[in-house]
Amino acid sequence: MDWTHRIAGLALATLLPAVAGASTPKGMVEVREEVLDNGLKVLLLENHRSPAVTFQVWYRVGSRNEVDGKSGMAHFLEHMLFKGTDKVAPEEYARIIRKHGGRSNAFTSHDATAYHATMSRDTIGIAVELEADRMVNTRFEEKYFTPEKKVVQEERRMRVDRPRAALAEITNAVTYAVHPYRRPIIGWPEDVQRMTLEDMKEFYRTYYSPNNAFIVVAGNFDSDEMLEKIRETFGKIPRGTEPPEVGLTEPPQRGERRVLLKKEAQLPSLVMNYHVPNVGHPDSYALDVLEMILSRGRTSRLHRDLVYERRIARYAWAGYHRVSADPTTFSIGAQAMPGKDIADVEAAIDEVVAGVRDKGVTKAELDKAKNQVAAAFIFAQESNRGQAMRIGFYEITGGWRRMNEYLGGIQGVTAEDVQRVARQYLDRDRRTVGILVPQARKRS
């Protein structure tokens, strides 16, 4: 047994008695939740293990909330929030945070846009004031909008220049027939090109309001003082109109879909997307364990079979994208070794999956995978930022309290559960297969 597995085992051994009895078991959190009069939810996780404080503002808007023809709005808007307000000059936000010894960043996902800063207890109030200001006072000027469009377009070009990213994008677009998860978060290039400043202003007015946002604070602070500071800054922002709900539901897939991408690349690769439920479904725990058995570590089934024994793949992986607002995907992928046929790689993956579906998993595999999943969950919360991110993602996808159900749910997974979800969800009729066909680099 290597040290990773020993640590995982010790973590779970320490954890399990706590799940059964202690008031605050390891891996579980005590979050103070308050809702201001304007609808802004505040989630506070006070701890004093380190001197830092992470402050995050999450907006319940991502690419999921966009419409056809206007993809990339949420991501582009994230860029525009750094273009200043009446009080703060363009690009000054990050400089102010750095000047006071802090770090800041932002991201956009399918389901959310979030802005976060980590600073000391004495200076975190600066981030609170800056975020409250740009929630309602962000300036939209053509002289900043047009150049930023080029920045976004270049970011997109750099991303899809990577063969694996390009394959994932086109496969994802075919995986979903109706649901907005089919669109790339960064947007289709034509949509970004024709986006206007007025489009951006309207999107901002629609989704950036206190009743469509929540705040997560984790670290070394006093909860009463922090809540008062948030009331002083965010509490005076008026409630906005309720944004439109996403009403689209992906219909059941009735047969395998396939897509080929011909692109400059050295080696062929593939990705398979299977439709599965998200974190709110009881089967999510067994799917997490299944991912670990298939893909994590040198003794995982995909690595052992395709990479170590058959030597037909450079790497093989599986990923369950469980933290999403709507039903999601379980993906399996691989890149072929030089001289190997990608069809043989696909057939080998199917054999590995069939082995789980038909024969199940061993007790040793199950126990090891559960230890690894539990340990990874606990270790991810060692930092204030990690804790805040975990709270935020769970809140976006159904409520932060689900975090405290996770370890118990993993502990309850049986070998029969793993085999059942493999049979039910890793079905060829539920999947989309994308294959990258390498093309020779064109001579200029």
Protein backbone atom coordinates (compact mmCIF):
# COMPACT_ATOMS: atom_id res chain seq x y z
CA MET A 1 0.00 0.00 0.00
CA ASP A 2 1.49 3.37 -0.99
CA TRP A 3 1.40 6.47 1.20
CA THR A 4 -1.54 8.02 -0.70
CA HIS A 5 -3.72 5.04 0.07
CA ARG A 6 -2.52 4.88 3.69
CA ILE A 7 -3.38 8.55 4.23
CA ALA A 8 -6.78 8.08 2.56
CA GLY A 9 -7.50 5.08 4.74
CA LEU A 10 -6.51 6.91 7.92
CA ALA A 11 -8.64 9.90 6.93
CA LEU A 12 -11.72 7.76 6.45
CA ALA A 13 -11.02 5.72 9.58
CA THR A 14 -10.88 8.98 11.54
CA LEU A 15 -13.96 10.27 9.78
CA LEU A 16 -16.42 7.41 10.10
CA PRO A 17 -16.87 7.47 13.90
CA ALA A 18 -17.34 11.22 13.64
CA VAL A 19 -20.09 10.85 11.05
CA ALA A 20 -21.91 8.56 13.42
CA GLY A 21 -21.81 10.70 16.51
CA ALA A 22 -19.93 13.99 16.81
CA SER A 23 -21.79 17.27 16.51
CA THR A 24 -19.36 18.62 13.87
CA PRO A 25 -17.70 15.63 12.16
CA LYS A 26 -14.53 16.05 10.15
CA GLY A 27 -15.37 17.14 6.62
CA MET A 28 -18.64 18.76 7.73
CA VAL A 29 -19.11 22.50 8.20
CA GLU A 30 -21.15 24.80 10.39
CA VAL A 31 -22.24 27.66 8.16
CA ARG A 32 -24.12 30.66 9.47
CA GLU A 33 -26.77 31.66 6.95
CA GLU A 34 -28.46 35.06 6.85
CA VAL A 35 -30.66 36.65 4.18
CA LEU A 36 -30.77 40.44 3.88
CA ASP A 37 -34.00 42.32 3.19
CA ASN A 38 -33.01 42.76 -0.48
CA GLY A 39 -32.74 38.99 -0.96
CA LEU A 40 -28.95 38.66 -0.74
CA LYS A 41 -27.98 35.42 1.00
CA VAL A 42 -24.87 35.50 3.18
CA LEU A 43 -23.01 32.30 4.14
CA LEU A 44 -20.37 32.69 6.85
CA LEU A 45 -17.84 30.04 7.85
CA GLU A 46 -15.77 31.47 10.67
CA ASN A 47 -12.57 29.68 11.61
CA HIS A 48 -9.26 30.89 12.97
CA ARG A 49 -6.82 28.27 11.71
CA SER A 50 -5.08 30.78 9.44
CA PRO A 51 -4.90 34.60 9.37
CA ALA A 52 -6.53 34.88 5.94
CA VAL A 53 -10.13 35.53 4.93
CA THR A 54 -11.69 34.59 1.59
CA PHE A 55 -14.60 36.75 0.41
CA GLN A 56 -16.65 35.61 -2.58
CA VAL A 57 -19.66 36.96 -4.44
CA TRP A 58 -21.53 34.37 -6.51
CA TYR A 59 -24.12 35.30 -9.13
CA ARG A 60 -26.64 32.70 -10.21
CA VAL A 61 -25.87 33.17 -13.88
CA GLY A 62 -23.64 31.26 -16.27
CA SER A 63 -23.78 30.02 -19.83
CA ARG A 64 -26.84 28.01 -18.77
CA ASN A 65 -28.82 31.29 -18.67
CA GLU A 66 -27.94 32.44 -22.17
CA VAL A 67 -29.97 32.06 -25.34
CA ASP A 68 -29.03 30.88 -28.81
CA GLY A 69 -27.22 33.57 -30.73
CA LYS A 70 -25.89 35.23 -27.57
CA SER A 71 -23.58 32.62 -26.11
CA GLY A 72 -20.61 33.83 -24.08
CA MET A 73 -22.48 36.71 -22.43
CA ALA A 74 -21.84 35.60 -18.84
CA HIS A 75 -18.12 35.09 -19.44
CA PHE A 76 -17.73 38.39 -21.33
CA LEU A 77 -19.57 40.21 -18.55
CA GLU A 78 -17.09 38.78 -16.04
CA HIS A 79 -14.35 40.58 -18.02
CA MET A 80 -16.32 43.83 -18.06
CA LEU A 81 -16.65 43.95 -14.28
CA PHE A 82 -12.97 44.81 -14.16
CA LYS A 83 -13.48 47.89 -16.35
CA GLY A 84 -14.29 50.20 -13.47
CA THR A 85 -17.04 52.15 -11.76
CA ASP A 86 -17.41 55.84 -10.93
CA LYS A 87 -15.22 55.21 -7.87
CA VAL A 88 -12.71 52.70 -9.24
CA ALA A 89 -10.68 53.15 -12.42
CA PRO A 90 -10.50 50.42 -15.09
CA GLU A 91 -8.30 47.46 -14.07
CA GLU A 92 -7.79 49.11 -10.67
CA TYR A 93 -9.73 46.47 -8.72
CA ALA A 94 -6.96 43.85 -8.83
CA ARG A 95 -4.24 46.42 -8.16
CA ILE A 96 -6.02 47.61 -5.03
CA ILE A 97 -6.31 44.06 -3.74
CA ARG A 98 -2.62 43.35 -4.47
CA LYS A 99 -1.54 46.63 -2.89
CA HIS A 100 -3.05 45.43 0.38
CA GLY A 101 -1.40 42.02 0.18
CA GLY A 102 -4.36 40.12 -1.24
CA ARG A 103 -5.14 37.90 -4.21
CA SER A 104 -8.22 38.08 -6.41
CA ASN A 105 -9.74 36.43 -9.43
CA ALA A 106 -13.04 35.46 -11.04
CA PHE A 107 -14.51 32.63 -13.10
CA THR A 108 -17.59 31.71 -15.09
CA SER A 109 -19.10 28.24 -15.26
CA HIS A 110 -22.23 26.79 -16.84
CA ASP A 111 -24.19 27.65 -13.68
CA ALA A 112 -22.52 30.63 -12.01
CA THR A 113 -20.17 33.59 -12.16
CA ALA A 114 -18.07 34.23 -9.06
CA TYR A 115 -15.62 36.90 -7.91
CA HIS A 116 -13.26 36.14 -5.06
CA ALA A 117 -10.52 37.76 -3.01
CA THR A 118 -8.34 36.49 -0.18
CA MET A 119 -6.91 39.05 2.23
CA SER A 120 -6.09 39.53 5.88
CA ARG A 121 -8.75 40.08 8.51
CA ASP A 122 -7.73 43.76 8.76
CA THR A 123 -8.05 44.45 5.02
CA ILE A 124 -10.87 42.18 3.85
CA GLY A 125 -13.33 45.06 4.22
CA ILE A 126 -11.75 46.62 1.11
CA ALA A 127 -12.88 43.65 -0.99
CA VAL A 128 -16.38 43.88 0.50
CA GLU A 129 -16.68 47.53 -0.53
CA LEU A 130 -15.28 46.94 -4.02
CA GLU A 131 -17.69 44.09 -4.74
CA ALA A 132 -20.71 45.99 -3.49
CA ASP A 133 -19.73 48.91 -5.73
CA ARG A 134 -19.47 46.88 -8.92
CA MET A 135 -22.64 44.90 -8.27
CA VAL A 136 -24.59 47.97 -9.39
CA ASN A 137 -22.14 50.63 -10.59
CA THR A 138 -20.06 48.90 -13.26
CA ARG A 139 -19.40 51.24 -16.19
CA PHE A 140 -19.94 50.06 -19.75
CA GLU A 141 -18.02 52.11 -22.29
CA GLU A 142 -17.37 51.32 -25.93
CA LYS A 143 -13.69 52.25 -25.61
CA TYR A 144 -13.22 49.33 -23.21
CA PHE A 145 -15.83 46.97 -24.65
CA THR A 146 -14.41 46.72 -28.18
CA PRO A 147 -10.81 45.94 -27.14
CA GLU A 148 -12.05 43.44 -24.55
CA LYS A 149 -13.96 41.62 -27.27
CA LYS A 150 -10.62 40.95 -28.95
CA VAL A 151 -9.23 39.68 -25.65
CA VAL A 152 -12.13 37.23 -25.31
CA GLN A 153 -11.76 36.10 -28.92
CA GLU A 154 -8.04 35.47 -28.40
CA GLU A 155 -8.78 33.57 -25.20
CA ARG A 156 -11.17 31.38 -27.14
CA ARG A 157 -8.69 30.83 -29.97
CA MET A 158 -5.98 29.74 -27.54
CA ARG A 159 -8.39 27.34 -25.85
CA VAL A 160 -9.64 25.56 -28.96
CA ASP A 161 -6.13 25.38 -30.39
CA ARG A 162 -5.62 22.62 -27.85
CA PRO A 163 -6.90 19.41 -29.48
CA ARG A 164 -8.39 17.93 -26.32
CA ALA A 165 -10.31 21.12 -25.54
CA ALA A 166 -11.59 21.38 -29.12
CA LEU A 167 -12.76 17.76 -29.04
CA ALA A 168 -14.52 18.27 -25.72
CA GLU A 169 -16.30 21.35 -27.06
CA ILE A 170 -17.71 19.75 -30.20
CA THR A 171 -18.62 16.52 -28.40
CA ASN A 172 -20.43 18.48 -25.73
CA ALA A 173 -22.34 20.40 -28.40
CA VAL A 174 -23.64 17.10 -29.82
CA THR A 175 -24.28 15.53 -26.39
CA TYR A 176 -27.11 17.95 -25.66
CA ALA A 177 -29.87 18.44 -28.20
CA VAL A 178 -31.83 21.06 -26.28
CA HIS A 179 -30.25 22.03 -22.97
CA PRO A 180 -27.96 25.12 -22.90
CA TYR A 181 -25.08 23.04 -21.52
CA ARG A 182 -24.40 22.30 -25.19
CA ARG A 183 -22.95 25.80 -25.65
CA PRO A 184 -19.35 26.58 -24.69
CA ILE A 185 -18.98 28.83 -21.67
CA ILE A 186 -16.72 31.19 -23.59
CA GLY A 187 -19.28 31.39 -26.42
CA TRP A 188 -19.32 30.55 -30.10
CA PRO A 189 -17.02 32.89 -32.05
CA GLU A 190 -19.80 34.32 -34.23
CA ASP A 191 -21.89 35.14 -31.16
CA VAL A 192 -19.01 36.92 -29.45
CA GLN A 193 -18.23 38.89 -32.60
CA ARG A 194 -21.74 40.32 -32.96
CA MET A 195 -22.24 41.01 -29.25
CA THR A 196 -23.03 44.66 -28.54
CA LEU A 197 -22.52 46.94 -25.58
CA GLU A 198 -26.28 47.20 -25.16
CA ASP A 199 -26.52 43.42 -25.00
CA MET A 200 -24.00 43.50 -22.17
CA LYS A 201 -25.79 46.24 -20.24
CA GLU A 202 -29.10 44.38 -20.47
CA PHE A 203 -27.54 41.12 -19.31
CA TYR A 204 -25.96 42.93 -16.37
CA ARG A 205 -29.24 44.57 -15.36
CA THR A 206 -31.05 41.25 -15.61
CA TYR A 207 -28.74 39.06 -13.56
CA TYR A 208 -26.56 41.24 -11.32
CA SER A 209 -28.74 42.02 -8.35
CA PRO A 210 -28.63 41.06 -4.66
CA ASN A 211 -31.60 38.68 -4.96
CA ASN A 212 -29.77 36.74 -7.69
CA ALA A 213 -26.51 36.49 -5.74
CA PHE A 214 -25.04 35.17 -2.53
CA ILE A 215 -21.89 35.83 -0.56
CA VAL A 216 -19.54 33.24 0.94
CA VAL A 217 -16.96 34.26 3.55
CA ALA A 218 -14.54 31.75 5.08
CA GLY A 219 -11.62 32.23 7.44
CA ASN A 220 -10.38 34.39 10.29
CA PHE A 221 -13.13 36.94 10.92
CA ASP A 222 -15.84 37.75 13.42
CA SER A 223 -19.23 36.72 12.02
CA ASP A 224 -21.19 39.55 13.64
CA GLU A 225 -18.72 42.17 12.44
CA MET A 226 -18.64 40.73 8.91
CA LEU A 227 -22.42 40.55 8.68
CA GLU A 228 -22.67 44.18 9.79
CA LYS A 229 -20.13 45.23 7.15
CA ILE A 230 -22.07 43.39 4.47
CA ARG A 231 -25.32 45.01 5.60
CA GLU A 232 -23.70 48.45 5.39
CA THR A 233 -22.41 47.93 1.85
CA PHE A 234 -24.68 45.44 0.09
CA GLY A 235 -27.80 45.99 2.19
CA LYS A 236 -28.54 49.36 0.61
CA ILE A 237 -28.58 47.94 -2.92
CA PRO A 238 -32.22 47.64 -4.06
CA ARG A 239 -33.69 44.29 -4.92
CA GLY A 240 -33.83 43.63 -8.67
CA THR A 241 -36.51 42.01 -10.77
CA GLU A 242 -36.44 38.23 -10.67
CA PRO A 243 -34.43 36.91 -13.65
CA PRO A 244 -36.03 34.42 -16.03
CA GLU A 245 -35.77 30.77 -15.12
CA VAL A 246 -34.16 28.18 -17.36
CA GLY A 247 -37.08 26.05 -18.46
CA LEU A 248 -35.38 23.67 -20.90
CA THR A 249 -35.09 19.98 -20.06
CA GLU A 250 -32.91 17.63 -22.09
CA PRO A 251 -35.04 14.83 -23.58
CA PRO A 252 -33.90 11.21 -23.12
CA GLN A 253 -31.29 10.09 -25.63
CA ARG A 254 -32.51 7.17 -27.73
CA GLY A 255 -29.32 6.06 -29.44
CA GLU A 256 -25.59 6.60 -29.66
CA ARG A 257 -24.35 9.79 -31.31
CA ARG A 258 -20.91 10.12 -32.89
CA VAL A 259 -18.88 13.10 -34.04
CA LEU A 260 -15.49 13.30 -35.78
CA LEU A 261 -13.18 16.28 -35.43
CA LYS A 262 -10.38 16.63 -37.97
CA LYS A 263 -7.72 18.89 -36.52
CA GLU A 264 -3.98 19.39 -36.46
CA ALA A 265 -2.73 17.02 -33.78
CA GLN A 266 -0.09 14.39 -33.22
CA LEU A 267 -2.21 11.54 -31.90
CA PRO A 268 -5.86 10.44 -32.11
CA SER A 269 -8.02 10.63 -29.02
CA LEU A 270 -11.61 10.14 -28.00
CA VAL A 271 -14.14 11.20 -25.39
CA MET A 272 -17.43 9.53 -24.46
CA ASN A 273 -20.19 11.51 -22.70
CA TYR A 274 -22.93 9.58 -20.91
CA HIS A 275 -26.05 11.30 -19.56
CA VAL A 276 -26.24 10.97 -15.77
CA PRO A 277 -27.97 12.74 -12.84
CA ASN A 278 -26.29 15.54 -10.92
CA VAL A 279 -25.29 15.96 -7.28
CA GLY A 280 -28.88 16.15 -6.07
CA HIS A 281 -29.62 12.54 -7.03
CA PRO A 282 -28.96 9.60 -4.66
CA ASP A 283 -27.00 7.82 -7.41
CA SER A 284 -24.39 10.59 -7.43
CA TYR A 285 -22.47 8.91 -4.60
CA ALA A 286 -22.12 5.62 -6.46
CA LEU A 287 -21.14 7.48 -9.64
CA ASP A 288 -18.36 9.25 -7.70
CA VAL A 289 -17.06 5.91 -6.48
CA LEU A 290 -17.33 4.47 -10.00
CA GLU A 291 -15.22 7.32 -11.37
CA MET A 292 -12.52 6.57 -8.80
CA ILE A 293 -12.50 2.85 -9.60
CA LEU A 294 -12.24 3.47 -13.32
CA SER A 295 -9.78 6.30 -13.43
CA ARG A 296 -7.90 7.48 -10.36
CA GLY A 297 -4.41 6.14 -9.81
CA ARG A 298 -2.14 3.60 -11.45
CA THR A 299 -4.20 0.66 -10.24
CA SER A 300 -7.47 2.05 -11.62
CA ARG A 301 -9.11 -0.12 -14.23
CA LEU A 302 -8.64 2.15 -17.24
CA HIS A 303 -4.99 2.90 -16.52
CA ARG A 304 -4.12 -0.68 -15.67
CA ASP A 305 -5.80 -2.11 -18.78
CA LEU A 306 -5.15 0.46 -21.52
CA VAL A 307 -1.92 2.09 -20.38
CA TYR A 308 -0.01 -0.52 -18.38
CA GLU A 309 -1.10 -3.89 -19.77
CA ARG A 310 -2.16 -3.36 -23.38
CA ARG A 311 -0.01 -0.26 -23.94
CA ILE A 312 -2.44 1.14 -26.49
CA ALA A 313 -3.14 4.47 -24.75
CA ARG A 314 -0.86 7.22 -23.44
CA TYR A 315 -3.50 8.01 -20.84
CA ALA A 316 -7.10 7.14 -20.03
CA TRP A 317 -9.46 8.92 -17.69
CA ALA A 318 -13.00 9.21 -16.40
CA GLY A 319 -14.77 12.24 -14.97
CA TYR A 320 -18.14 12.69 -13.32
CA HIS A 321 -19.27 16.32 -13.53
CA ARG A 322 -21.68 16.00 -10.62
CA VAL A 323 -21.69 19.55 -9.28
CA SER A 324 -24.11 21.09 -11.77
CA ALA A 325 -27.54 22.65 -11.53
CA ASP A 326 -29.11 20.23 -14.03
CA PRO A 327 -28.50 16.62 -15.12
CA THR A 328 -24.96 16.26 -16.34
CA THR A 329 -22.44 13.87 -17.91
CA PHE A 330 -20.08 11.09 -16.95
CA SER A 331 -17.15 11.20 -19.37
CA ILE A 332 -14.51 8.65 -20.33
CA GLY A 333 -11.60 9.51 -22.59
CA ALA A 334 -8.19 8.40 -23.82
CA GLN A 335 -5.37 9.25 -26.19
CA ALA A 336 -3.89 6.51 -28.35
CA MET A 337 -0.24 5.56 -28.30
CA PRO A 338 1.69 6.27 -31.52
CA GLY A 339 0.87 3.65 -34.11
CA LYS A 340 -2.24 2.42 -32.30
CA ASP A 341 -5.75 2.54 -33.74
CA ILE A 342 -8.24 4.67 -31.83
CA ALA A 343 -10.90 2.05 -32.65
CA ASP A 344 -8.92 -0.45 -30.57
CA VAL A 345 -8.75 2.06 -27.73
CA GLU A 346 -12.52 2.52 -27.85
CA ALA A 347 -13.08 -1.23 -27.86
CA ALA A 348 -10.78 -1.62 -24.85
CA ILE A 349 -12.68 1.06 -22.93
CA ASP A 350 -15.93 -0.73 -23.70
CA GLU A 351 -14.44 -3.94 -22.34
CA VAL A 352 -13.40 -2.22 -19.10
CA VAL A 353 -16.87 -0.73 -18.66
CA ALA A 354 -18.49 -4.08 -19.48
CA GLY A 355 -16.37 -5.69 -16.79
CA VAL A 356 -17.91 -3.42 -14.15
CA ARG A 357 -21.40 -3.73 -15.58
CA ASP A 358 -21.34 -7.53 -15.90
CA LYS A 359 -19.12 -8.67 -13.03
CA GLY A 360 -19.16 -5.76 -10.60
CA VAL A 361 -16.26 -4.60 -8.42
CA THR A 362 -14.32 -6.24 -5.63
CA LYS A 363 -14.59 -5.32 -1.97
CA ALA A 364 -10.95 -4.18 -2.03
CA GLU A 365 -11.65 -1.86 -4.99
CA LEU A 366 -14.76 -0.51 -3.34
CA ASP A 367 -13.11 0.19 0.01
CA LYS A 368 -10.08 1.81 -1.56
CA ALA A 369 -12.21 4.02 -3.82
CA LYS A 370 -14.44 5.13 -0.93
CA ASN A 371 -11.35 5.97 1.13
CA GLN A 372 -9.92 8.02 -1.74
CA VAL A 373 -13.17 9.88 -2.42
CA ALA A 374 -13.64 10.75 1.26
CA ALA A 375 -10.02 11.81 1.72
CA ALA A 376 -10.12 14.02 -1.40
CA PHE A 377 -13.30 15.68 -0.14
CA ILE A 378 -11.74 16.44 3.24
CA PHE A 379 -8.35 17.58 1.93
CA ALA A 380 -9.99 19.97 -0.56
CA GLN A 381 -11.33 21.94 2.41
CA GLU A 382 -7.97 22.48 4.08
CA SER A 383 -7.74 26.07 2.80
CA ASN A 384 -10.23 28.88 3.36
CA ARG A 385 -10.57 29.33 -0.38
CA GLY A 386 -11.22 25.61 -0.84
CA GLN A 387 -13.93 25.65 1.81
CA ALA A 388 -15.57 28.74 0.34
CA MET A 389 -15.50 27.30 -3.18
CA ARG A 390 -17.06 24.05 -2.02
CA ILE A 391 -19.85 25.96 -0.21
CA GLY A 392 -20.44 28.12 -3.28
CA PHE A 393 -20.67 25.27 -5.77
CA TYR A 394 -23.05 23.33 -3.57
CA GLU A 395 -25.20 26.40 -2.98
CA ILE A 396 -25.45 27.01 -6.74
CA THR A 397 -26.46 23.43 -7.43
CA GLY A 398 -29.12 22.89 -4.81
CA GLY A 399 -27.99 24.18 -1.44
CA TRP A 400 -24.82 24.18 0.67
CA ARG A 401 -26.31 21.76 3.22
CA ARG A 402 -25.78 18.90 0.78
CA MET A 403 -22.09 19.16 1.64
CA ASN A 404 -22.79 17.70 5.05
CA GLU A 405 -24.59 14.72 3.55
CA TYR A 406 -21.73 13.82 1.22
CA LEU A 407 -19.44 11.70 3.37
CA GLY A 408 -22.32 9.71 4.79
CA GLY A 409 -23.58 9.13 1.27
CA ILE A 410 -20.19 7.86 0.13
CA GLN A 411 -19.92 5.57 3.15
CA GLY A 412 -23.29 4.03 2.23
CA VAL A 413 -22.26 3.04 -1.31
CA THR A 414 -22.18 -0.72 -1.88
CA ALA A 415 -20.60 -2.83 -4.60
CA GLU A 416 -24.12 -3.51 -5.85
CA ASP A 417 -24.73 0.25 -6.15
CA VAL A 418 -21.63 0.71 -8.28
CA GLN A 419 -22.56 -2.14 -10.61
CA ARG A 420 -26.15 -0.89 -10.84
CA VAL A 421 -25.23 2.68 -11.85
CA ALA A 422 -22.72 1.34 -14.38
CA ARG A 423 -25.46 -0.78 -15.93
CA GLN A 424 -28.05 1.97 -15.82
CA TYR A 425 -26.04 4.96 -17.02
CA LEU A 426 -23.01 3.69 -18.97
CA ASP A 427 -25.28 2.55 -21.75
CA ARG A 428 -24.27 3.05 -25.39
CA ASP A 429 -27.71 4.41 -26.21
CA ARG A 430 -27.13 7.20 -23.67
CA ARG A 431 -23.73 8.29 -24.93
CA THR A 432 -22.06 10.57 -27.45
CA VAL A 433 -18.63 9.58 -28.77
CA GLY A 434 -16.24 12.21 -30.09
CA ILE A 435 -13.10 11.16 -31.98
CA LEU A 436 -10.19 13.40 -32.87
CA VAL A 437 -8.70 12.52 -36.28
CA PRO A 438 -5.21 14.05 -36.48
CA GLN A 439 -4.39 16.17 -39.50
CA ALA A 440 -0.92 17.07 -40.69
CA ARG A 441 0.16 20.61 -39.91
CA LYS A 442 -0.34 22.83 -42.92
CA ARG A 443 2.79 24.37 -44.35
CA SER A 444 2.66 28.14 -44.55
